[in-house]
Amino acid sequence: MIDEIIAYKSKTRINLIFVLTVLSVGMVIAWVVMLVIFCFDKQLEEELGVPPLWASILFFSLGAFILGGELFYIIGYLRLPNILIYRSGDQINFCGKFYKIRDIDRIDFQEVYYATIPLHAMKIILKDGTVLKNGYIADTYIVNQKLQRLLFIYKEMRNND
């Protein structure tokens, strides 16, 4: 029997956000250095064959595209919830039917991708063998409709009777 289901942000994501932030800051510093070089180095203009202004615009455009993608990625992950818990006895709603957590025998879990239908990748198997797919979790669980990815883990409780 499952005592609780925990949804959480993994440490890997936090580390990834840190790396992307460092890369973004490094890219901004590189932009400034390159702009100074392009604007004040006449020999570079002759070697490149283009005016420094055009070279810097091209460099900035490419960098802005990469930086924008990184920031979009970071902001998307920062909007995920830190921790949400369902305890034994709580009800979840799948396909219009309510089930208590204690009725769930086993969960085949994987990364859950949020789209228009939340939890469309999640599969729950009940004690009677019923397989629930494409279901919704209770409204109290969905804090932010724009969740993108969530990892589910569960803790199994054993009776010592």
N, C-alpha and C. Protein backbone atom coordinates (compact mmCIF):
# COMPACT_ATOMS: atom_id res chain seq x y z
N MET A 1 0.85 -1.18 0.00
CA MET A 1 0.00 0.00 0.00
C MET A 1 0.89 1.25 0.00
N ILE A 2 0.47 2.24 -0.71
CA ILE A 2 1.26 3.47 -0.79
C ILE A 2 0.80 4.44 0.29
N ASP A 3 1.72 4.94 1.05
CA ASP A 3 1.40 5.88 2.11
C ASP A 3 1.34 7.31 1.58
N GLU A 4 2.27 7.67 0.71
CA GLU A 4 2.24 9.04 0.19
C GLU A 4 2.89 9.10 -1.19
N ILE A 5 2.44 10.05 -1.98
CA ILE A 5 3.04 10.32 -3.28
C ILE A 5 3.66 11.70 -3.18
N ILE A 6 4.90 11.82 -3.55
CA ILE A 6 5.60 13.10 -3.44
C ILE A 6 6.03 13.56 -4.83
N ALA A 7 5.73 14.80 -5.14
CA ALA A 7 6.20 15.40 -6.39
C ALA A 7 7.22 16.46 -6.01
N TYR A 8 8.35 16.45 -6.68
CA TYR A 8 9.39 17.38 -6.26
C TYR A 8 10.29 17.77 -7.43
N LYS A 9 11.01 18.87 -7.25
CA LYS A 9 12.02 19.30 -8.21
C LYS A 9 13.32 18.58 -7.88
N SER A 10 13.89 17.92 -8.85
CA SER A 10 15.13 17.19 -8.57
C SER A 10 16.30 18.16 -8.47
N LYS A 11 17.36 17.75 -7.76
CA LYS A 11 18.55 18.58 -7.60
C LYS A 11 19.24 18.77 -8.95
N THR A 12 19.08 17.80 -9.85
CA THR A 12 19.71 17.92 -11.17
C THR A 12 19.21 19.16 -11.88
N ARG A 13 17.93 19.44 -11.76
CA ARG A 13 17.37 20.63 -12.42
C ARG A 13 17.96 21.90 -11.83
N ILE A 14 18.12 21.93 -10.51
CA ILE A 14 18.67 23.12 -9.86
C ILE A 14 20.10 23.34 -10.35
N ASN A 15 20.89 22.25 -10.43
CA ASN A 15 22.26 22.36 -10.92
C ASN A 15 22.28 22.83 -12.37
N LEU A 16 21.35 22.34 -13.16
CA LEU A 16 21.27 22.74 -14.57
C LEU A 16 20.96 24.23 -14.68
N ILE A 17 20.07 24.72 -13.84
CA ILE A 17 19.74 26.15 -13.84
C ILE A 17 20.99 26.96 -13.49
N PHE A 18 21.77 26.50 -12.51
CA PHE A 18 22.99 27.20 -12.12
C PHE A 18 23.97 27.27 -13.28
N VAL A 19 24.17 26.13 -13.97
CA VAL A 19 25.10 26.09 -15.10
C VAL A 19 24.64 27.03 -16.21
N LEU A 20 23.35 27.00 -16.53
CA LEU A 20 22.84 27.87 -17.59
C LEU A 20 22.97 29.35 -17.21
N THR A 21 22.78 29.67 -15.93
CA THR A 21 22.93 31.06 -15.48
C THR A 21 24.38 31.52 -15.63
N VAL A 22 25.32 30.66 -15.23
CA VAL A 22 26.74 31.00 -15.38
C VAL A 22 27.09 31.19 -16.85
N LEU A 23 26.58 30.31 -17.72
CA LEU A 23 26.83 30.45 -19.16
C LEU A 23 26.26 31.76 -19.69
N SER A 24 25.06 32.11 -19.23
CA SER A 24 24.43 33.35 -19.69
C SER A 24 25.24 34.58 -19.28
N VAL A 25 25.70 34.59 -18.03
CA VAL A 25 26.51 35.72 -17.55
C VAL A 25 27.81 35.79 -18.33
N GLY A 26 28.43 34.63 -18.57
CA GLY A 26 29.66 34.59 -19.36
C GLY A 26 29.45 35.11 -20.77
N MET A 27 28.30 34.78 -21.34
CA MET A 27 28.02 35.24 -22.70
C MET A 27 27.86 36.76 -22.75
N VAL A 28 27.22 37.34 -21.75
CA VAL A 28 27.05 38.79 -21.71
C VAL A 28 28.42 39.48 -21.60
N ILE A 29 29.29 38.93 -20.75
CA ILE A 29 30.64 39.50 -20.62
C ILE A 29 31.39 39.40 -21.95
N ALA A 30 31.25 38.25 -22.63
CA ALA A 30 31.91 38.07 -23.93
C ALA A 30 31.38 39.08 -24.94
N TRP A 31 30.08 39.36 -24.91
CA TRP A 31 29.49 40.36 -25.82
C TRP A 31 30.17 41.72 -25.64
N VAL A 32 30.29 42.12 -24.38
CA VAL A 32 30.87 43.45 -24.09
C VAL A 32 32.32 43.51 -24.57
N VAL A 33 33.09 42.46 -24.28
CA VAL A 33 34.50 42.42 -24.70
C VAL A 33 34.60 42.47 -26.22
N MET A 34 33.79 41.65 -26.90
CA MET A 34 33.83 41.62 -28.37
C MET A 34 33.42 42.96 -28.97
N LEU A 35 32.42 43.59 -28.37
CA LEU A 35 31.97 44.89 -28.88
C LEU A 35 33.09 45.92 -28.78
N VAL A 36 33.79 45.93 -27.66
CA VAL A 36 34.91 46.86 -27.48
C VAL A 36 36.00 46.57 -28.51
N ILE A 37 36.31 45.29 -28.70
CA ILE A 37 37.34 44.92 -29.68
C ILE A 37 36.92 45.33 -31.09
N PHE A 38 35.66 44.99 -31.46
CA PHE A 38 35.17 45.29 -32.81
C PHE A 38 35.18 46.79 -33.10
N CYS A 39 34.83 47.57 -32.11
CA CYS A 39 34.69 49.01 -32.35
C CYS A 39 36.03 49.76 -32.39
N PHE A 40 37.04 49.23 -31.73
CA PHE A 40 38.28 49.99 -31.63
C PHE A 40 39.47 49.38 -32.38
N ASP A 41 39.31 48.21 -32.97
CA ASP A 41 40.43 47.56 -33.65
C ASP A 41 40.26 47.67 -35.16
N LYS A 42 41.01 48.57 -35.78
CA LYS A 42 40.91 48.79 -37.22
C LYS A 42 41.53 47.64 -38.01
N GLN A 43 42.56 47.01 -37.45
CA GLN A 43 43.21 45.90 -38.16
C GLN A 43 42.24 44.72 -38.28
N LEU A 44 41.41 44.52 -37.26
CA LEU A 44 40.42 43.45 -37.30
C LEU A 44 39.42 43.67 -38.43
N GLU A 45 39.08 44.94 -38.68
CA GLU A 45 38.16 45.26 -39.76
C GLU A 45 38.74 44.82 -41.10
N GLU A 46 40.01 45.04 -41.28
CA GLU A 46 40.67 44.65 -42.53
C GLU A 46 40.73 43.13 -42.66
N GLU A 47 40.98 42.43 -41.56
CA GLU A 47 41.07 40.96 -41.59
C GLU A 47 39.72 40.32 -41.84
N LEU A 48 38.68 40.85 -41.21
CA LEU A 48 37.34 40.28 -41.38
C LEU A 48 36.74 40.61 -42.74
N GLY A 49 37.07 41.75 -43.24
CA GLY A 49 36.51 42.18 -44.52
C GLY A 49 35.13 42.79 -44.38
N VAL A 50 34.67 42.97 -43.15
CA VAL A 50 33.37 43.63 -42.91
C VAL A 50 33.59 44.70 -41.85
N PRO A 51 32.77 45.73 -41.85
CA PRO A 51 32.89 46.75 -40.80
C PRO A 51 32.64 46.15 -39.42
N PRO A 52 33.33 46.62 -38.40
CA PRO A 52 33.15 46.09 -37.05
C PRO A 52 31.71 46.14 -36.57
N LEU A 53 30.96 47.16 -36.99
CA LEU A 53 29.58 47.29 -36.56
C LEU A 53 28.75 46.10 -37.04
N TRP A 54 28.93 45.70 -38.32
CA TRP A 54 28.17 44.57 -38.86
C TRP A 54 28.57 43.26 -38.18
N ALA A 55 29.86 43.10 -37.92
CA ALA A 55 30.33 41.90 -37.25
C ALA A 55 29.74 41.82 -35.83
N SER A 56 29.70 42.95 -35.14
CA SER A 56 29.16 42.94 -33.77
C SER A 56 27.66 42.69 -33.78
N ILE A 57 26.94 43.23 -34.78
CA ILE A 57 25.49 42.98 -34.87
C ILE A 57 25.22 41.49 -35.09
N LEU A 58 26.00 40.86 -35.98
CA LEU A 58 25.85 39.43 -36.24
C LEU A 58 26.14 38.62 -34.97
N PHE A 59 27.21 38.98 -34.28
CA PHE A 59 27.59 38.28 -33.06
C PHE A 59 26.51 38.43 -31.99
N PHE A 60 26.00 39.66 -31.83
CA PHE A 60 24.96 39.92 -30.83
C PHE A 60 23.67 39.18 -31.16
N SER A 61 23.32 39.10 -32.43
CA SER A 61 22.08 38.41 -32.83
C SER A 61 22.15 36.93 -32.49
N LEU A 62 23.28 36.31 -32.82
CA LEU A 62 23.46 34.90 -32.51
C LEU A 62 23.43 34.68 -30.99
N GLY A 63 24.15 35.52 -30.25
CA GLY A 63 24.18 35.41 -28.79
C GLY A 63 22.83 35.63 -28.16
N ALA A 64 22.06 36.59 -28.67
CA ALA A 64 20.73 36.87 -28.13
C ALA A 64 19.80 35.68 -28.33
N PHE A 65 19.92 35.02 -29.47
CA PHE A 65 19.09 33.85 -29.74
C PHE A 65 19.40 32.73 -28.74
N ILE A 66 20.68 32.48 -28.50
CA ILE A 66 21.08 31.43 -27.54
C ILE A 66 20.69 31.81 -26.12
N LEU A 67 20.96 33.06 -25.73
CA LEU A 67 20.64 33.52 -24.38
C LEU A 67 19.13 33.49 -24.13
N GLY A 68 18.35 33.89 -25.13
CA GLY A 68 16.89 33.85 -24.99
C GLY A 68 16.39 32.44 -24.73
N GLY A 69 16.96 31.47 -25.45
CA GLY A 69 16.58 30.06 -25.23
C GLY A 69 16.92 29.59 -23.84
N GLU A 70 18.11 29.96 -23.37
CA GLU A 70 18.52 29.58 -22.01
C GLU A 70 17.60 30.19 -20.95
N LEU A 71 17.28 31.46 -21.10
CA LEU A 71 16.41 32.12 -20.12
C LEU A 71 15.01 31.52 -20.11
N PHE A 72 14.49 31.19 -21.29
CA PHE A 72 13.17 30.55 -21.39
C PHE A 72 13.19 29.22 -20.63
N TYR A 73 14.27 28.47 -20.79
CA TYR A 73 14.45 27.17 -20.14
C TYR A 73 14.50 27.33 -18.62
N ILE A 74 15.28 28.31 -18.16
CA ILE A 74 15.43 28.56 -16.72
C ILE A 74 14.11 28.99 -16.10
N ILE A 75 13.42 29.94 -16.72
CA ILE A 75 12.15 30.44 -16.18
C ILE A 75 11.12 29.32 -16.12
N GLY A 76 11.10 28.46 -17.13
CA GLY A 76 10.17 27.33 -17.14
C GLY A 76 10.37 26.42 -15.94
N TYR A 77 11.62 26.13 -15.58
CA TYR A 77 11.88 25.27 -14.44
C TYR A 77 11.65 25.95 -13.11
N LEU A 78 11.89 27.25 -13.04
CA LEU A 78 11.67 27.95 -11.77
C LEU A 78 10.19 27.98 -11.38
N ARG A 79 9.30 27.79 -12.35
CA ARG A 79 7.87 27.84 -12.06
C ARG A 79 7.33 26.52 -11.53
N LEU A 80 8.16 25.48 -11.50
CA LEU A 80 7.71 24.20 -10.95
C LEU A 80 7.56 24.30 -9.43
N PRO A 81 6.66 23.54 -8.84
CA PRO A 81 6.50 23.58 -7.38
C PRO A 81 7.67 22.87 -6.70
N ASN A 82 7.94 23.25 -5.47
CA ASN A 82 9.02 22.60 -4.74
C ASN A 82 8.62 21.22 -4.25
N ILE A 83 7.54 21.14 -3.51
CA ILE A 83 7.13 19.83 -3.00
C ILE A 83 5.63 19.82 -2.75
N LEU A 84 4.98 18.78 -3.19
CA LEU A 84 3.54 18.59 -2.99
C LEU A 84 3.35 17.15 -2.51
N ILE A 85 2.50 16.96 -1.53
CA ILE A 85 2.37 15.62 -0.95
C ILE A 85 0.90 15.20 -0.87
N TYR A 86 0.64 13.94 -1.23
CA TYR A 86 -0.64 13.29 -0.95
C TYR A 86 -0.40 12.21 0.07
N ARG A 87 -1.21 12.19 1.11
CA ARG A 87 -1.05 11.18 2.14
C ARG A 87 -2.14 10.11 2.01
N SER A 88 -1.90 8.99 2.70
CA SER A 88 -2.87 7.90 2.69
C SER A 88 -4.22 8.42 3.16
N GLY A 89 -5.26 8.08 2.42
CA GLY A 89 -6.60 8.54 2.76
C GLY A 89 -7.05 9.71 1.91
N ASP A 90 -6.12 10.45 1.32
CA ASP A 90 -6.49 11.54 0.41
C ASP A 90 -7.12 10.96 -0.84
N GLN A 91 -7.98 11.74 -1.47
CA GLN A 91 -8.64 11.28 -2.68
C GLN A 91 -8.01 11.90 -3.91
N ILE A 92 -7.91 11.11 -4.98
CA ILE A 92 -7.49 11.63 -6.27
C ILE A 92 -8.60 11.32 -7.27
N ASN A 93 -8.75 12.17 -8.24
CA ASN A 93 -9.82 12.04 -9.22
C ASN A 93 -9.23 11.64 -10.56
N PHE A 94 -9.56 10.45 -11.03
CA PHE A 94 -9.11 10.00 -12.34
C PHE A 94 -10.33 9.69 -13.20
N CYS A 95 -10.39 10.37 -14.32
CA CYS A 95 -11.45 10.14 -15.31
C CYS A 95 -12.83 10.21 -14.66
N GLY A 96 -13.03 11.15 -13.76
CA GLY A 96 -14.34 11.35 -13.15
C GLY A 96 -14.63 10.45 -11.97
N LYS A 97 -13.75 9.50 -11.65
CA LYS A 97 -13.96 8.62 -10.51
C LYS A 97 -12.94 8.96 -9.44
N PHE A 98 -13.37 8.91 -8.17
CA PHE A 98 -12.48 9.22 -7.06
C PHE A 98 -11.90 7.94 -6.47
N TYR A 99 -10.61 7.96 -6.21
CA TYR A 99 -9.93 6.84 -5.57
C TYR A 99 -9.14 7.38 -4.40
N LYS A 100 -9.12 6.60 -3.30
CA LYS A 100 -8.29 7.00 -2.17
C LYS A 100 -6.89 6.45 -2.39
N ILE A 101 -5.91 7.15 -1.85
CA ILE A 101 -4.52 6.73 -2.03
C ILE A 101 -4.32 5.29 -1.54
N ARG A 102 -5.01 4.91 -0.48
CA ARG A 102 -4.81 3.56 0.06
C ARG A 102 -5.32 2.47 -0.89
N ASP A 103 -6.16 2.84 -1.87
CA ASP A 103 -6.66 1.86 -2.83
C ASP A 103 -5.65 1.56 -3.93
N ILE A 104 -4.57 2.31 -3.98
CA ILE A 104 -3.59 2.11 -5.05
C ILE A 104 -2.56 1.08 -4.62
N ASP A 105 -2.38 0.07 -5.45
CA ASP A 105 -1.47 -1.01 -5.12
C ASP A 105 -0.07 -0.73 -5.63
N ARG A 106 0.04 -0.25 -6.86
CA ARG A 106 1.35 -0.05 -7.46
C ARG A 106 1.28 1.11 -8.45
N ILE A 107 2.37 1.86 -8.57
CA ILE A 107 2.43 2.92 -9.56
C ILE A 107 3.62 2.66 -10.48
N ASP A 108 3.36 2.57 -11.77
CA ASP A 108 4.44 2.58 -12.75
C ASP A 108 4.69 4.04 -13.04
N PHE A 109 5.81 4.57 -12.55
CA PHE A 109 6.00 6.01 -12.69
C PHE A 109 7.15 6.31 -13.65
N GLN A 110 7.07 7.45 -14.26
CA GLN A 110 8.10 7.94 -15.16
C GLN A 110 8.01 9.46 -15.13
N GLU A 111 8.81 10.13 -15.91
CA GLU A 111 8.67 11.58 -15.97
C GLU A 111 7.30 11.89 -16.54
N VAL A 112 6.61 12.80 -15.90
CA VAL A 112 5.26 13.15 -16.32
C VAL A 112 5.32 14.46 -17.08
N TYR A 113 4.86 14.45 -18.31
CA TYR A 113 4.89 15.66 -19.13
C TYR A 113 3.52 16.31 -19.10
N TYR A 114 3.47 17.59 -18.74
CA TYR A 114 2.21 18.32 -18.68
C TYR A 114 1.92 18.94 -20.04
N ALA A 115 0.72 18.75 -20.50
CA ALA A 115 0.28 19.38 -21.73
C ALA A 115 -1.10 19.92 -21.44
N THR A 116 -1.99 19.89 -22.42
CA THR A 116 -3.36 20.34 -22.19
C THR A 116 -4.03 19.45 -21.14
N ILE A 117 -3.75 18.16 -21.23
CA ILE A 117 -4.28 17.22 -20.24
C ILE A 117 -3.16 16.90 -19.25
N PRO A 118 -3.28 17.30 -18.00
CA PRO A 118 -2.23 17.01 -17.02
C PRO A 118 -2.05 15.50 -16.83
N LEU A 119 -0.85 15.09 -16.54
CA LEU A 119 -0.52 13.71 -16.19
C LEU A 119 -0.83 12.72 -17.29
N HIS A 120 -0.72 13.12 -18.56
CA HIS A 120 -1.10 12.21 -19.62
C HIS A 120 -0.14 11.03 -19.77
N ALA A 121 1.05 11.12 -19.14
CA ALA A 121 2.00 10.02 -19.26
C ALA A 121 1.98 9.11 -18.04
N MET A 122 1.13 9.40 -17.08
CA MET A 122 1.14 8.64 -15.83
C MET A 122 0.21 7.44 -15.92
N LYS A 123 0.63 6.32 -15.36
CA LYS A 123 -0.20 5.13 -15.35
C LYS A 123 -0.31 4.66 -13.90
N ILE A 124 -1.52 4.47 -13.42
CA ILE A 124 -1.73 3.98 -12.05
C ILE A 124 -2.47 2.65 -12.13
N ILE A 125 -1.97 1.65 -11.41
CA ILE A 125 -2.59 0.33 -11.41
C ILE A 125 -3.18 0.09 -10.02
N LEU A 126 -4.48 -0.18 -9.97
CA LEU A 126 -5.14 -0.42 -8.68
C LEU A 126 -5.01 -1.89 -8.29
N LYS A 127 -5.38 -2.20 -7.03
CA LYS A 127 -5.27 -3.57 -6.53
C LYS A 127 -6.07 -4.55 -7.38
N ASP A 128 -7.21 -4.10 -7.89
CA ASP A 128 -8.06 -5.01 -8.69
C ASP A 128 -7.57 -5.13 -10.13
N GLY A 129 -6.43 -4.52 -10.45
CA GLY A 129 -5.87 -4.64 -11.79
C GLY A 129 -6.30 -3.52 -12.72
N THR A 130 -7.17 -2.62 -12.26
CA THR A 130 -7.61 -1.50 -13.09
C THR A 130 -6.44 -0.60 -13.42
N VAL A 131 -6.28 -0.27 -14.69
CA VAL A 131 -5.21 0.63 -15.11
C VAL A 131 -5.84 1.99 -15.44
N LEU A 132 -5.34 3.04 -14.80
CA LEU A 132 -5.85 4.38 -15.02
C LEU A 132 -4.83 5.16 -15.84
N LYS A 133 -5.26 5.66 -16.99
CA LYS A 133 -4.36 6.47 -17.83
C LYS A 133 -5.06 7.76 -18.17
N ASN A 134 -4.29 8.74 -18.61
CA ASN A 134 -4.83 10.02 -19.06
C ASN A 134 -5.78 10.64 -18.05
N GLY A 135 -5.45 10.49 -16.77
CA GLY A 135 -6.35 11.00 -15.74
C GLY A 135 -5.93 12.34 -15.21
N TYR A 136 -6.78 12.87 -14.36
CA TYR A 136 -6.49 14.14 -13.70
C TYR A 136 -6.27 13.88 -12.23
N ILE A 137 -5.38 14.63 -11.64
CA ILE A 137 -5.20 14.54 -10.20
C ILE A 137 -6.07 15.64 -9.57
N ALA A 138 -6.39 15.52 -8.29
CA ALA A 138 -7.32 16.45 -7.64
C ALA A 138 -6.89 17.91 -7.82
N ASP A 139 -7.86 18.81 -7.85
CA ASP A 139 -7.61 20.23 -8.10
C ASP A 139 -6.60 20.83 -7.12
N THR A 140 -6.60 20.34 -5.88
CA THR A 140 -5.68 20.87 -4.90
C THR A 140 -4.23 20.63 -5.30
N TYR A 141 -4.03 19.63 -6.16
CA TYR A 141 -2.66 19.30 -6.57
C TYR A 141 -2.14 20.24 -7.65
N ILE A 142 -3.02 20.62 -8.57
CA ILE A 142 -2.56 21.44 -9.70
C ILE A 142 -2.50 22.90 -9.27
N VAL A 143 -1.31 23.31 -8.83
CA VAL A 143 -1.13 24.66 -8.32
C VAL A 143 -0.93 25.63 -9.48
N ASN A 144 -0.26 25.16 -10.50
CA ASN A 144 0.08 26.02 -11.63
C ASN A 144 -0.23 25.27 -12.92
N GLN A 145 -1.11 25.80 -13.73
CA GLN A 145 -1.52 25.12 -14.96
C GLN A 145 -0.39 25.01 -15.97
N LYS A 146 0.72 25.73 -15.75
CA LYS A 146 1.80 25.74 -16.73
C LYS A 146 2.95 24.82 -16.34
N LEU A 147 2.68 23.85 -15.47
CA LEU A 147 3.72 22.90 -15.10
C LEU A 147 4.18 22.15 -16.35
N GLN A 148 5.47 21.91 -16.46
CA GLN A 148 5.98 21.23 -17.65
C GLN A 148 6.42 19.80 -17.37
N ARG A 149 7.12 19.60 -16.29
CA ARG A 149 7.65 18.28 -16.05
C ARG A 149 7.67 18.01 -14.55
N LEU A 150 7.34 16.81 -14.15
CA LEU A 150 7.29 16.48 -12.74
C LEU A 150 7.66 15.02 -12.58
N LEU A 151 8.43 14.70 -11.58
CA LEU A 151 8.83 13.33 -11.34
C LEU A 151 8.10 12.82 -10.12
N PHE A 152 7.48 11.64 -10.24
CA PHE A 152 6.75 11.07 -9.12
C PHE A 152 7.56 9.95 -8.48
N ILE A 153 7.59 9.96 -7.17
CA ILE A 153 8.17 8.83 -6.46
C ILE A 153 7.15 8.39 -5.40
N TYR A 154 7.27 7.20 -4.92
CA TYR A 154 6.35 6.79 -3.87
C TYR A 154 7.09 5.99 -2.81
N LYS A 155 6.49 5.98 -1.64
CA LYS A 155 7.05 5.26 -0.50
C LYS A 155 6.08 4.11 -0.20
N GLU A 156 6.59 2.91 -0.16
CA GLU A 156 5.74 1.75 0.08
C GLU A 156 5.74 1.41 1.56
N MET A 157 4.56 1.25 2.13
CA MET A 157 4.44 0.92 3.53
C MET A 157 4.12 -0.57 3.66
N ARG A 158 4.80 -1.29 4.57
CA ARG A 158 4.55 -2.71 4.77
C ARG A 158 3.90 -2.90 6.15
N ASN A 159 2.91 -3.77 6.18
CA ASN A 159 2.27 -4.09 7.45
C ASN A 159 3.05 -5.20 8.14
N ASN A 160 3.32 -5.01 9.41
CA ASN A 160 4.06 -6.03 10.17
C ASN A 160 3.14 -6.94 10.96
N ASP A 161 1.83 -6.92 10.61
CA ASP A 161 0.87 -7.74 11.38
C ASP A 161 1.19 -9.21 11.19
